[in-house]
Amino acid sequence: MASLSQLVDNVVVTTFELGQPETRIGRRPDNDIQIDEISVSGQHALIEAVPNAYLEGTVDYYITDSNSTNGTFVNELRVADRQRLNSNDMVRIGWNEFRFIDEEEQALEKTAYILD
């Protein structure tokens, strides 16, 4: 299962399991991951778990910015469209840093994605 670990000064302070098909991130309390911080929009971003088209039983994770004010970034690049997440990617929501971890990701899965 994949997770999103919030970092403060490069130390994990909170880990959120991504165990459902969609995980909504934002400041409002109706989000799956609520970040009560001024740089985070009410509905900031969405992470989707999608079955891999090439590897049966494998799940790919994608992040989309929900037209937030301060943006969503993966490895310091602003997310413009739906973007695939790889294990150990750094995700920034407003001013908040996270590390995406997918313990089930395999090197073969990355090759399958490149062929897509």
PDB file of N, CA and C in Angstrom:
ATOM      1  N   MET A   1       0.843  -1.187   0.000  1.00  0.00           N
ATOM      2  CA  MET A   1       0.000   0.000   0.000  1.00  0.00           C
ATOM      3  C   MET A   1       0.883   1.243   0.000  1.00  0.00           C
ATOM      4  N   ALA A   2       0.392   2.283  -0.629  1.00  0.00           N
ATOM      5  CA  ALA A   2       1.146   3.527  -0.724  1.00  0.00           C
ATOM      6  C   ALA A   2       0.772   4.463   0.431  1.00  0.00           C
ATOM      7  N   SER A   3       1.667   5.416   0.688  1.00  0.00           N
ATOM      8  CA  SER A   3       1.413   6.393   1.744  1.00  0.00           C
ATOM      9  C   SER A   3       2.044   7.729   1.380  1.00  0.00           C
ATOM     10  N   LEU A   4       1.587   8.753   2.077  1.00  0.00           N
ATOM     11  CA  LEU A   4       2.106  10.101   1.941  1.00  0.00           C
ATOM     12  C   LEU A   4       2.574  10.515   3.325  1.00  0.00           C
ATOM     13  N   SER A   5       3.884  10.749   3.481  1.00  0.00           N
ATOM     14  CA  SER A   5       4.452  11.112   4.783  1.00  0.00           C
ATOM     15  C   SER A   5       4.774  12.591   4.812  1.00  0.00           C
ATOM     16  N   GLN A   6       4.187  13.305   5.778  1.00  0.00           N
ATOM     17  CA  GLN A   6       4.451  14.727   5.923  1.00  0.00           C
ATOM     18  C   GLN A   6       5.789  14.915   6.626  1.00  0.00           C
ATOM     19  N   LEU A   7       6.599  15.823   6.086  1.00  0.00           N
ATOM     20  CA  LEU A   7       7.932  16.077   6.620  1.00  0.00           C
ATOM     21  C   LEU A   7       8.029  17.489   7.176  1.00  0.00           C
ATOM     22  N   VAL A   8       8.701  17.623   8.303  1.00  0.00           N
ATOM     23  CA  VAL A   8       9.070  18.918   8.852  1.00  0.00           C
ATOM     24  C   VAL A   8      10.559  18.837   9.129  1.00  0.00           C
ATOM     25  N   ASP A   9      11.337  19.706   8.506  1.00  0.00           N
ATOM     26  CA  ASP A   9      12.804  19.659   8.613  1.00  0.00           C
ATOM     27  C   ASP A   9      13.331  18.275   8.266  1.00  0.00           C
ATOM     28  N   ASN A  10      12.751  17.673   7.220  1.00  0.00           N
ATOM     29  CA  ASN A  10      13.144  16.362   6.685  1.00  0.00           C
ATOM     30  C   ASN A  10      12.902  15.201   7.652  1.00  0.00           C
ATOM     31  N   VAL A  11      12.023  15.404   8.645  1.00  0.00           N
ATOM     32  CA  VAL A  11      11.653  14.359   9.599  1.00  0.00           C
ATOM     33  C   VAL A  11      10.158  14.066   9.429  1.00  0.00           C
ATOM     34  N   VAL A  12       9.794  12.781   9.356  1.00  0.00           N
ATOM     35  CA  VAL A  12       8.393  12.402   9.206  1.00  0.00           C
ATOM     36  C   VAL A  12       7.632  12.731  10.487  1.00  0.00           C
ATOM     37  N   VAL A  13       6.546  13.522  10.351  1.00  0.00           N
ATOM     38  CA  VAL A  13       5.720  13.868  11.501  1.00  0.00           C
ATOM     39  C   VAL A  13       4.355  13.178  11.447  1.00  0.00           C
ATOM     40  N   THR A  14       3.867  12.877  10.240  1.00  0.00           N
ATOM     41  CA  THR A  14       2.585  12.205  10.063  1.00  0.00           C
ATOM     42  C   THR A  14       2.627  11.393   8.784  1.00  0.00           C
ATOM     43  N   THR A  15       2.015  10.201   8.816  1.00  0.00           N
ATOM     44  CA  THR A  15       1.916   9.379   7.609  1.00  0.00           C
ATOM     45  C   THR A  15       0.450   9.084   7.332  1.00  0.00           C
ATOM     46  N   PHE A  16       0.058   9.298   6.086  1.00  0.00           N
ATOM     47  CA  PHE A  16      -1.311   9.049   5.645  1.00  0.00           C
ATOM     48  C   PHE A  16      -1.307   7.886   4.665  1.00  0.00           C
ATOM     49  N   GLU A  17      -2.064   6.825   4.979  1.00  0.00           N
ATOM     50  CA  GLU A  17      -2.186   5.672   4.082  1.00  0.00           C
ATOM     51  C   GLU A  17      -3.114   6.045   2.929  1.00  0.00           C
ATOM     52  N   LEU A  18      -2.757   5.637   1.721  1.00  0.00           N
ATOM     53  CA  LEU A  18      -3.577   5.912   0.542  1.00  0.00           C
ATOM     54  C   LEU A  18      -4.299   4.620   0.154  1.00  0.00           C
ATOM     55  N   GLY A  19      -5.294   4.239   0.955  1.00  0.00           N
ATOM     56  CA  GLY A  19      -5.951   2.949   0.794  1.00  0.00           C
ATOM     57  C   GLY A  19      -7.270   2.976   0.050  1.00  0.00           C
ATOM     58  N   GLN A  20      -7.636   4.110  -0.547  1.00  0.00           N
ATOM     59  CA  GLN A  20      -8.902   4.174  -1.264  1.00  0.00           C
ATOM     60  C   GLN A  20      -8.644   4.637  -2.700  1.00  0.00           C
ATOM     61  N   PRO A  21      -9.617   4.474  -3.601  1.00  0.00           N
ATOM     62  CA  PRO A  21      -9.405   4.853  -5.006  1.00  0.00           C
ATOM     63  C   PRO A  21      -9.097   6.340  -5.201  1.00  0.00           C
ATOM     64  N   GLU A  22      -9.683   7.200  -4.363  1.00  0.00           N
ATOM     65  CA  GLU A  22      -9.405   8.629  -4.437  1.00  0.00           C
ATOM     66  C   GLU A  22      -9.134   9.174  -3.042  1.00  0.00           C
ATOM     67  N   THR A  23      -8.116  10.025  -2.945  1.00  0.00           N
ATOM     68  CA  THR A  23      -7.786  10.686  -1.687  1.00  0.00           C
ATOM     69  C   THR A  23      -7.755  12.181  -1.950  1.00  0.00           C
ATOM     70  N   ARG A  24      -8.661  12.902  -1.304  1.00  0.00           N
ATOM     71  CA  ARG A  24      -8.741  14.351  -1.464  1.00  0.00           C
ATOM     72  C   ARG A  24      -7.906  15.032  -0.374  1.00  0.00           C
ATOM     73  N   ILE A  25      -7.150  16.049  -0.800  1.00  0.00           N
ATOM     74  CA  ILE A  25      -6.275  16.778   0.115  1.00  0.00           C
ATOM     75  C   ILE A  25      -6.687  18.247   0.099  1.00  0.00           C
ATOM     76  N   GLY A  26      -6.817  18.848   1.284  1.00  0.00           N
ATOM     77  CA  GLY A  26      -7.155  20.262   1.352  1.00  0.00           C
ATOM     78  C   GLY A  26      -7.372  20.732   2.767  1.00  0.00           C
ATOM     79  N   ARG A  27      -7.744  22.004   2.905  1.00  0.00           N
ATOM     80  CA  ARG A  27      -7.913  22.621   4.212  1.00  0.00           C
ATOM     81  C   ARG A  27      -9.271  22.307   4.835  1.00  0.00           C
ATOM     82  N   ARG A  28     -10.286  22.059   4.022  1.00  0.00           N
ATOM     83  CA  ARG A  28     -11.627  21.793   4.550  1.00  0.00           C
ATOM     84  C   ARG A  28     -11.675  20.456   5.296  1.00  0.00           C
ATOM     85  N   PRO A  29     -12.533  20.365   6.320  1.00  0.00           N
ATOM     86  CA  PRO A  29     -12.615  19.127   7.108  1.00  0.00           C
ATOM     87  C   PRO A  29     -13.197  17.929   6.352  1.00  0.00           C
ATOM     88  N   ASP A  30     -13.852  18.143   5.197  1.00  0.00           N
ATOM     89  CA  ASP A  30     -14.408  17.020   4.445  1.00  0.00           C
ATOM     90  C   ASP A  30     -13.388  16.327   3.545  1.00  0.00           C
ATOM     91  N   ASN A  31     -12.126  16.769   3.569  1.00  0.00           N
ATOM     92  CA  ASN A  31     -11.067  16.111   2.799  1.00  0.00           C
ATOM     93  C   ASN A  31     -10.595  14.860   3.527  1.00  0.00           C
ATOM     94  N   ASP A  32     -10.055  13.899   2.765  1.00  0.00           N
ATOM     95  CA  ASP A  32      -9.497  12.684   3.367  1.00  0.00           C
ATOM     96  C   ASP A  32      -8.228  13.016   4.155  1.00  0.00           C
ATOM     97  N   ILE A  33      -7.423  13.940   3.608  1.00  0.00           N
ATOM     98  CA  ILE A  33      -6.244  14.445   4.311  1.00  0.00           C
ATOM     99  C   ILE A  33      -6.472  15.942   4.494  1.00  0.00           C
ATOM    100  N   GLN A  34      -6.735  16.340   5.739  1.00  0.00           N
ATOM    101  CA  GLN A  34      -6.984  17.752   6.031  1.00  0.00           C
ATOM    102  C   GLN A  34      -5.694  18.390   6.526  1.00  0.00           C
ATOM    103  N   ILE A  35      -5.327  19.499   5.873  1.00  0.00           N
ATOM    104  CA  ILE A  35      -4.147  20.265   6.275  1.00  0.00           C
ATOM    105  C   ILE A  35      -4.644  21.662   6.607  1.00  0.00           C
ATOM    106  N   ASP A  36      -4.770  21.938   7.894  1.00  0.00           N
ATOM    107  CA  ASP A  36      -5.308  23.219   8.349  1.00  0.00           C
ATOM    108  C   ASP A  36      -4.181  24.243   8.389  1.00  0.00           C
ATOM    109  N   GLU A  37      -3.870  24.777   7.214  1.00  0.00           N
ATOM    110  CA  GLU A  37      -2.743  25.698   7.078  1.00  0.00           C
ATOM    111  C   GLU A  37      -3.088  26.689   5.959  1.00  0.00           C
ATOM    112  N   ILE A  38      -2.759  27.941   6.112  1.00  0.00           N
ATOM    113  CA  ILE A  38      -3.204  29.023   5.233  1.00  0.00           C
ATOM    114  C   ILE A  38      -2.769  28.862   3.774  1.00  0.00           C
ATOM    115  N   SER A  39      -1.655  28.204   3.484  1.00  0.00           N
ATOM    116  CA  SER A  39      -1.196  28.056   2.093  1.00  0.00           C
ATOM    117  C   SER A  39      -1.928  26.948   1.346  1.00  0.00           C
ATOM    118  N   VAL A  40      -2.764  26.189   2.044  1.00  0.00           N
ATOM    119  CA  VAL A  40      -3.491  25.060   1.450  1.00  0.00           C
ATOM    120  C   VAL A  40      -4.913  25.513   1.121  1.00  0.00           C
ATOM    121  N   SER A  41      -5.350  25.246  -0.111  1.00  0.00           N
ATOM    122  CA  SER A  41      -6.710  25.601  -0.529  1.00  0.00           C
ATOM    123  C   SER A  41      -7.714  24.641   0.079  1.00  0.00           C
ATOM    124  N   GLY A  42      -8.983  25.053   0.093  1.00  0.00           N
ATOM    125  CA  GLY A  42     -10.047  24.212   0.644  1.00  0.00           C
ATOM    126  C   GLY A  42     -10.097  22.847  -0.006  1.00  0.00           C
ATOM    127  N   GLN A  43     -10.054  22.795  -1.327  1.00  0.00           N
ATOM    128  CA  GLN A  43      -9.937  21.554  -2.103  1.00  0.00           C
ATOM    129  C   GLN A  43      -8.647  21.728  -2.902  1.00  0.00           C
ATOM    130  N   HIS A  44      -7.543  21.188  -2.434  1.00  0.00           N
ATOM    131  CA  HIS A  44      -6.234  21.501  -3.009  1.00  0.00           C
ATOM    132  C   HIS A  44      -5.789  20.517  -4.093  1.00  0.00           C
ATOM    133  N   ALA A  45      -5.839  19.219  -3.793  1.00  0.00           N
ATOM    134  CA  ALA A  45      -5.320  18.222  -4.734  1.00  0.00           C
ATOM    135  C   ALA A  45      -6.062  16.899  -4.563  1.00  0.00           C
ATOM    136  N   LEU A  46      -5.891  16.031  -5.561  1.00  0.00           N
ATOM    137  CA  LEU A  46      -6.520  14.716  -5.566  1.00  0.00           C
ATOM    138  C   LEU A  46      -5.476  13.682  -5.952  1.00  0.00           C
ATOM    139  N   ILE A  47      -5.407  12.581  -5.181  1.00  0.00           N
ATOM    140  CA  ILE A  47      -4.555  11.441  -5.547  1.00  0.00           C
ATOM    141  C   ILE A  47      -5.473  10.290  -5.913  1.00  0.00           C
ATOM    142  N   GLU A  48      -5.240   9.708  -7.091  1.00  0.00           N
ATOM    143  CA  GLU A  48      -6.048   8.586  -7.569  1.00  0.00           C
ATOM    144  C   GLU A  48      -5.200   7.323  -7.638  1.00  0.00           C
ATOM    145  N   ALA A  49      -5.787   6.204  -7.221  1.00  0.00           N
ATOM    146  CA  ALA A  49      -5.161   4.887  -7.345  1.00  0.00           C
ATOM    147  C   ALA A  49      -5.830   4.192  -8.530  1.00  0.00           C
ATOM    148  N   VAL A  50      -5.036   3.873  -9.560  1.00  0.00           N
ATOM    149  CA  VAL A  50      -5.577   3.332 -10.808  1.00  0.00           C
ATOM    150  C   VAL A  50      -4.866   2.010 -11.130  1.00  0.00           C
ATOM    151  N   PRO A  51      -5.610   0.943 -11.435  1.00  0.00           N
ATOM    152  CA  PRO A  51      -4.960  -0.321 -11.818  1.00  0.00           C
ATOM    153  C   PRO A  51      -4.051  -0.112 -13.025  1.00  0.00           C
ATOM    154  N   ASN A  52      -2.854  -0.680 -12.959  1.00  0.00           N
ATOM    155  CA  ASN A  52      -1.891  -0.585 -14.053  1.00  0.00           C
ATOM    156  C   ASN A  52      -2.390  -1.379 -15.253  1.00  0.00           C
ATOM    157  N   ALA A  53      -2.302  -0.780 -16.442  1.00  0.00           N
ATOM    158  CA  ALA A  53      -2.815  -1.403 -17.666  1.00  0.00           C
ATOM    159  C   ALA A  53      -1.968  -2.592 -18.116  1.00  0.00           C
ATOM    160  N   TYR A  54      -0.718  -2.698 -17.663  1.00  0.00           N
ATOM    161  CA  TYR A  54       0.190  -3.738 -18.143  1.00  0.00           C
ATOM    162  C   TYR A  54       0.482  -4.827 -17.124  1.00  0.00           C
ATOM    163  N   LEU A  55       0.461  -4.475 -15.841  1.00  0.00           N
ATOM    164  CA  LEU A  55       0.836  -5.422 -14.796  1.00  0.00           C
ATOM    165  C   LEU A  55      -0.358  -5.708 -13.899  1.00  0.00           C
ATOM    166  N   GLU A  56      -0.917  -6.879 -14.035  1.00  0.00           N
ATOM    167  CA  GLU A  56      -2.089  -7.258 -13.253  1.00  0.00           C
ATOM    168  C   GLU A  56      -1.780  -7.219 -11.758  1.00  0.00           C
ATOM    169  N   GLY A  57      -2.696  -6.660 -10.986  1.00  0.00           N
ATOM    170  CA  GLY A  57      -2.525  -6.583  -9.539  1.00  0.00           C
ATOM    171  C   GLY A  57      -1.668  -5.416  -9.077  1.00  0.00           C
ATOM    172  N   THR A  58      -1.222  -4.581 -10.020  1.00  0.00           N
ATOM    173  CA  THR A  58      -0.377  -3.439  -9.684  1.00  0.00           C
ATOM    174  C   THR A  58      -1.193  -2.157  -9.807  1.00  0.00           C
ATOM    175  N   VAL A  59      -0.953  -1.225  -8.891  1.00  0.00           N
ATOM    176  CA  VAL A  59      -1.691   0.033  -8.867  1.00  0.00           C
ATOM    177  C   VAL A  59      -0.728   1.191  -9.118  1.00  0.00           C
ATOM    178  N   ASP A  60      -1.143   2.116  -9.984  1.00  0.00           N
ATOM    179  CA  ASP A  60      -0.403   3.353 -10.216  1.00  0.00           C
ATOM    180  C   ASP A  60      -1.112   4.474  -9.466  1.00  0.00           C
ATOM    181  N   TYR A  61      -0.348   5.451  -9.016  1.00  0.00           N
ATOM    182  CA  TYR A  61      -0.906   6.592  -8.291  1.00  0.00           C
ATOM    183  C   TYR A  61      -0.657   7.865  -9.088  1.00  0.00           C
ATOM    184  N   TYR A  62      -1.700   8.680  -9.191  1.00  0.00           N
ATOM    185  CA  TYR A  62      -1.642   9.933  -9.937  1.00  0.00           C
ATOM    186  C   TYR A  62      -2.114  11.074  -9.041  1.00  0.00           C
ATOM    187  N   ILE A  63      -1.488  12.238  -9.202  1.00  0.00           N
ATOM    188  CA  ILE A  63      -1.904  13.421  -8.453  1.00  0.00           C
ATOM    189  C   ILE A  63      -2.353  14.494  -9.437  1.00  0.00           C
ATOM    190  N   THR A  64      -3.401  15.206  -9.054  1.00  0.00           N
ATOM    191  CA  THR A  64      -3.942  16.307  -9.853  1.00  0.00           C
ATOM    192  C   THR A  64      -4.160  17.494  -8.930  1.00  0.00           C
ATOM    193  N   ASP A  65      -3.767  18.674  -9.378  1.00  0.00           N
ATOM    194  CA  ASP A  65      -4.037  19.890  -8.618  1.00  0.00           C
ATOM    195  C   ASP A  65      -5.484  20.296  -8.879  1.00  0.00           C
ATOM    196  N   SER A  66      -6.200  20.694  -7.825  1.00  0.00           N
ATOM    197  CA  SER A  66      -7.614  21.069  -7.938  1.00  0.00           C
ATOM    198  C   SER A  66      -7.782  22.581  -8.060  1.00  0.00           C
ATOM    199  N   ASN A  67      -7.014  23.190  -8.987  1.00  0.00           N
ATOM    200  CA  ASN A  67      -7.041  24.653  -9.189  1.00  0.00           C
ATOM    201  C   ASN A  67      -6.756  25.411  -7.896  1.00  0.00           C
ATOM    202  N   SER A  68      -5.762  24.931  -7.152  1.00  0.00           N
ATOM    203  CA  SER A  68      -5.404  25.559  -5.880  1.00  0.00           C
ATOM    204  C   SER A  68      -4.717  26.904  -6.106  1.00  0.00           C
ATOM    205  N   THR A  69      -4.711  27.718  -5.088  1.00  0.00           N
ATOM    206  CA  THR A  69      -4.089  29.039  -5.168  1.00  0.00           C
ATOM    207  C   THR A  69      -2.564  28.935  -5.230  1.00  0.00           C
ATOM    208  N   ASN A  70      -1.966  28.103  -4.369  1.00  0.00           N
ATOM    209  CA  ASN A  70      -0.506  28.038  -4.258  1.00  0.00           C
ATOM    210  C   ASN A  70       0.123  26.854  -4.969  1.00  0.00           C
ATOM    211  N   GLY A  71      -0.672  26.041  -5.629  1.00  0.00           N
ATOM    212  CA  GLY A  71      -0.139  24.972  -6.468  1.00  0.00           C
ATOM    213  C   GLY A  71       0.230  23.703  -5.738  1.00  0.00           C
ATOM    214  N   THR A  72       0.378  22.662  -6.550  1.00  0.00           N
ATOM    215  CA  THR A  72       0.838  21.345  -6.113  1.00  0.00           C
ATOM    216  C   THR A  72       2.102  21.057  -6.916  1.00  0.00           C
ATOM    217  N   PHE A  73       3.145  20.587  -6.238  1.00  0.00           N
ATOM    218  CA  PHE A  73       4.430  20.358  -6.888  1.00  0.00           C
ATOM    219  C   PHE A  73       4.902  18.931  -6.634  1.00  0.00           C
ATOM    220  N   VAL A  74       5.524  18.318  -7.640  1.00  0.00           N
ATOM    221  CA  VAL A  74       6.168  17.016  -7.494  1.00  0.00           C
ATOM    222  C   VAL A  74       7.626  17.209  -7.881  1.00  0.00           C
ATOM    223  N   ASN A  75       8.517  16.934  -6.959  1.00  0.00           N
ATOM    224  CA  ASN A  75       9.958  17.143  -7.159  1.00  0.00           C
ATOM    225  C   ASN A  75      10.232  18.564  -7.652  1.00  0.00           C
ATOM    226  N   GLU A  76       9.551  19.532  -7.031  1.00  0.00           N
ATOM    227  CA  GLU A  76       9.679  20.981  -7.279  1.00  0.00           C
ATOM    228  C   GLU A  76       9.186  21.430  -8.657  1.00  0.00           C
ATOM    229  N   LEU A  77       8.505  20.556  -9.394  1.00  0.00           N
ATOM    230  CA  LEU A  77       7.886  20.946 -10.662  1.00  0.00           C
ATOM    231  C   LEU A  77       6.381  21.055 -10.454  1.00  0.00           C
ATOM    232  N   ARG A  78       5.807  22.177 -10.863  1.00  0.00           N
ATOM    233  CA  ARG A  78       4.372  22.398 -10.661  1.00  0.00           C
ATOM    234  C   ARG A  78       3.554  21.400 -11.481  1.00  0.00           C
ATOM    235  N   VAL A  79       2.557  20.816 -10.839  1.00  0.00           N
ATOM    236  CA  VAL A  79       1.672  19.856 -11.507  1.00  0.00           C
ATOM    237  C   VAL A  79       0.686  20.650 -12.357  1.00  0.00           C
ATOM    238  N   ALA A  80       0.741  20.443 -13.687  1.00  0.00           N
ATOM    239  CA  ALA A  80      -0.158  21.147 -14.600  1.00  0.00           C
ATOM    240  C   ALA A  80      -1.354  20.258 -14.955  1.00  0.00           C
ATOM    241  N   ASP A  81      -1.079  18.982 -15.175  1.00  0.00           N
ATOM    242  CA  ASP A  81      -2.109  17.997 -15.506  1.00  0.00           C
ATOM    243  C   ASP A  81      -2.004  16.858 -14.497  1.00  0.00           C
ATOM    244  N   ARG A  82      -2.704  15.811 -14.768  1.00  0.00           N
ATOM    245  CA  ARG A  82      -2.603  14.597 -13.944  1.00  0.00           C
ATOM    246  C   ARG A  82      -1.180  14.044 -14.088  1.00  0.00           C
ATOM    247  N   GLN A  83      -0.520  13.811 -12.970  1.00  0.00           N
ATOM    248  CA  GLN A  83       0.876  13.349 -13.010  1.00  0.00           C
ATOM    249  C   GLN A  83       1.054  12.072 -12.207  1.00  0.00           C
ATOM    250  N   ARG A  84       1.778  11.116 -12.763  1.00  0.00           N
ATOM    251  CA  ARG A  84       2.045   9.848 -12.082  1.00  0.00           C
ATOM    252  C   ARG A  84       3.055  10.074 -10.974  1.00  0.00           C
ATOM    253  N   LEU A  85       2.831   9.417  -9.838  1.00  0.00           N
ATOM    254  CA  LEU A  85       3.759   9.481  -8.708  1.00  0.00           C
ATOM    255  C   LEU A  85       4.606   8.214  -8.675  1.00  0.00           C
ATOM    256  N   ASN A  86       5.888   8.379  -8.421  1.00  0.00           N
ATOM    257  CA  ASN A  86       6.809   7.261  -8.215  1.00  0.00           C
ATOM    258  C   ASN A  86       7.267   7.267  -6.770  1.00  0.00           C
ATOM    259  N   SER A  87       7.587   6.091  -6.257  1.00  0.00           N
ATOM    260  CA  SER A  87       8.031   6.002  -4.879  1.00  0.00           C
ATOM    261  C   SER A  87       9.212   6.937  -4.636  1.00  0.00           C
ATOM    262  N   ASN A  88       9.184   7.618  -3.506  1.00  0.00           N
ATOM    263  CA  ASN A  88      10.191   8.588  -3.061  1.00  0.00           C
ATOM    264  C   ASN A  88      10.062   9.957  -3.713  1.00  0.00           C
ATOM    265  N   ASP A  89       9.010  10.183  -4.511  1.00  0.00           N
ATOM    266  CA  ASP A  89       8.777  11.532  -5.036  1.00  0.00           C
ATOM    267  C   ASP A  89       8.478  12.473  -3.871  1.00  0.00           C
ATOM    268  N   MET A  90       8.947  13.699  -3.996  1.00  0.00           N
ATOM    269  CA  MET A  90       8.635  14.739  -3.019  1.00  0.00           C
ATOM    270  C   MET A  90       7.435  15.526  -3.545  1.00  0.00           C
ATOM    271  N   VAL A  91       6.416  15.653  -2.709  1.00  0.00           N
ATOM    272  CA  VAL A  91       5.180  16.339  -3.076  1.00  0.00           C
ATOM    273  C   VAL A  91       5.039  17.553  -2.162  1.00  0.00           C
ATOM    274  N   ARG A  92       4.750  18.715  -2.765  1.00  0.00           N
ATOM    275  CA  ARG A  92       4.535  19.917  -1.972  1.00  0.00           C
ATOM    276  C   ARG A  92       3.115  20.410  -2.215  1.00  0.00           C
ATOM    277  N   ILE A  93       2.371  20.550  -1.122  1.00  0.00           N
ATOM    278  CA  ILE A  93       1.006  21.059  -1.120  1.00  0.00           C
ATOM    279  C   ILE A  93       1.070  22.400  -0.397  1.00  0.00           C
ATOM    280  N   GLY A  94       0.933  23.505  -1.145  1.00  0.00           N
ATOM    281  CA  GLY A  94       1.150  24.814  -0.527  1.00  0.00           C
ATOM    282  C   GLY A  94       2.589  24.886  -0.030  1.00  0.00           C
ATOM    283  N   TRP A  95       2.752  25.083   1.284  1.00  0.00           N
ATOM    284  CA  TRP A  95       4.099  25.127   1.877  1.00  0.00           C
ATOM    285  C   TRP A  95       4.450  23.833   2.597  1.00  0.00           C
ATOM    286  N   ASN A  96       3.660  22.792   2.434  1.00  0.00           N
ATOM    287  CA  ASN A  96       3.820  21.541   3.183  1.00  0.00           C
ATOM    288  C   ASN A  96       4.499  20.473   2.334  1.00  0.00           C
ATOM    289  N   GLU A  97       5.546  19.877   2.890  1.00  0.00           N
ATOM    290  CA  GLU A  97       6.337  18.863   2.188  1.00  0.00           C
ATOM    291  C   GLU A  97       5.898  17.456   2.570  1.00  0.00           C
ATOM    292  N   PHE A  98       5.818  16.588   1.574  1.00  0.00           N
ATOM    293  CA  PHE A  98       5.466  15.184   1.769  1.00  0.00           C
ATOM    294  C   PHE A  98       6.393  14.317   0.932  1.00  0.00           C
ATOM    295  N   ARG A  99       6.563  13.073   1.380  1.00  0.00           N
ATOM    296  CA  ARG A  99       7.260  12.073   0.557  1.00  0.00           C
ATOM    297  C   ARG A  99       6.241  10.987   0.232  1.00  0.00           C
ATOM    298  N   PHE A 100       6.104  10.692  -1.073  1.00  0.00           N
ATOM    299  CA  PHE A 100       5.225   9.620  -1.511  1.00  0.00           C
ATOM    300  C   PHE A 100       6.007   8.313  -1.456  1.00  0.00           C
ATOM    301  N   ILE A 101       5.446   7.302  -0.789  1.00  0.00           N
ATOM    302  CA  ILE A 101       6.097   5.997  -0.680  1.00  0.00           C
ATOM    303  C   ILE A 101       5.134   4.930  -1.199  1.00  0.00           C
ATOM    304  N   ASP A 102       5.604   4.133  -2.148  1.00  0.00           N
ATOM    305  CA  ASP A 102       4.836   2.993  -2.648  1.00  0.00           C
ATOM    306  C   ASP A 102       5.714   1.762  -2.472  1.00  0.00           C
ATOM    307  N   GLU A 103       5.468   1.026  -1.407  1.00  0.00           N
ATOM    308  CA  GLU A 103       6.297  -0.145  -1.073  1.00  0.00           C
ATOM    309  C   GLU A 103       6.166  -1.263  -2.098  1.00  0.00           C
ATOM    310  N   GLU A 104       5.106  -1.240  -2.896  1.00  0.00           N
ATOM    311  CA  GLU A 104       4.889  -2.304  -3.867  1.00  0.00           C
ATOM    312  C   GLU A 104       5.393  -1.950  -5.266  1.00  0.00           C
ATOM    313  N   GLU A 105       5.926  -0.745  -5.438  1.00  0.00           N
ATOM    314  CA  GLU A 105       6.425  -0.344  -6.756  1.00  0.00           C
ATOM    315  C   GLU A 105       7.626  -1.197  -7.137  1.00  0.00           C
ATOM    316  N   GLN A 106       7.662  -1.588  -8.381  1.00  0.00           N
ATOM    317  CA  GLN A 106       8.749  -2.436  -8.881  1.00  0.00           C
ATOM    318  C   GLN A 106       9.404  -1.766 -10.078  1.00  0.00           C
ATOM    319  N   ALA A 107      10.641  -2.102 -10.349  1.00  0.00           N
ATOM    320  CA  ALA A 107      11.352  -1.549 -11.500  1.00  0.00           C
ATOM    321  C   ALA A 107      10.631  -1.899 -12.801  1.00  0.00           C
ATOM    322  N   LEU A 108      10.071  -3.106 -12.880  1.00  0.00           N
ATOM    323  CA  LEU A 108       9.345  -3.527 -14.080  1.00  0.00           C
ATOM    324  C   LEU A 108       8.145  -2.619 -14.332  1.00  0.00           C
ATOM    325  N   GLU A 109       7.507  -2.155 -13.277  1.00  0.00           N
ATOM    326  CA  GLU A 109       6.352  -1.264 -13.415  1.00  0.00           C
ATOM    327  C   GLU A 109       6.775   0.043 -14.082  1.00  0.00           C
ATOM    328  N   LYS A 110       7.937   0.571 -13.727  1.00  0.00           N
ATOM    329  CA  LYS A 110       8.425   1.806 -14.347  1.00  0.00           C
ATOM    330  C   LYS A 110       8.654   1.591 -15.845  1.00  0.00           C
ATOM    331  N   THR A 111       9.172   0.419 -16.226  1.00  0.00           N
ATOM    332  CA  THR A 111       9.383   0.104 -17.631  1.00  0.00           C
ATOM    333  C   THR A 111       8.053   0.060 -18.364  1.00  0.00           C
ATOM    334  N   ALA A 112       7.046  -0.551 -17.767  1.00  0.00           N
ATOM    335  CA  ALA A 112       5.718  -0.635 -18.380  1.00  0.00           C
ATOM    336  C   ALA A 112       5.157   0.761 -18.605  1.00  0.00           C
ATOM    337  N   TYR A 113       5.398   1.663 -17.663  1.00  0.00           N
ATOM    338  CA  TYR A 113       4.888   3.028 -17.805  1.00  0.00           C
ATOM    339  C   TYR A 113       5.579   3.737 -18.960  1.00  0.00           C
ATOM    340  N   ILE A 114       6.864   3.536 -19.127  1.00  0.00           N
ATOM    341  CA  ILE A 114       7.610   4.177 -20.206  1.00  0.00           C
ATOM    342  C   ILE A 114       7.074   3.714 -21.560  1.00  0.00           C
ATOM    343  N   LEU A 115       6.670   2.466 -21.673  1.00  0.00           N
ATOM    344  CA  LEU A 115       6.170   1.933 -22.926  1.00  0.00           C
ATOM    345  C   LEU A 115       4.784   2.464 -23.278  1.00  0.00           C
ATOM    346  N   ASP A 116       4.086   3.014 -22.286  1.00  0.00           N
ATOM    347  CA  ASP A 116       2.721   3.504 -22.491  1.00  0.00           C
ATOM    348  C   ASP A 116       2.625   4.586 -23.522  1.00  0.00           C
TER     349      ASP A 116
END
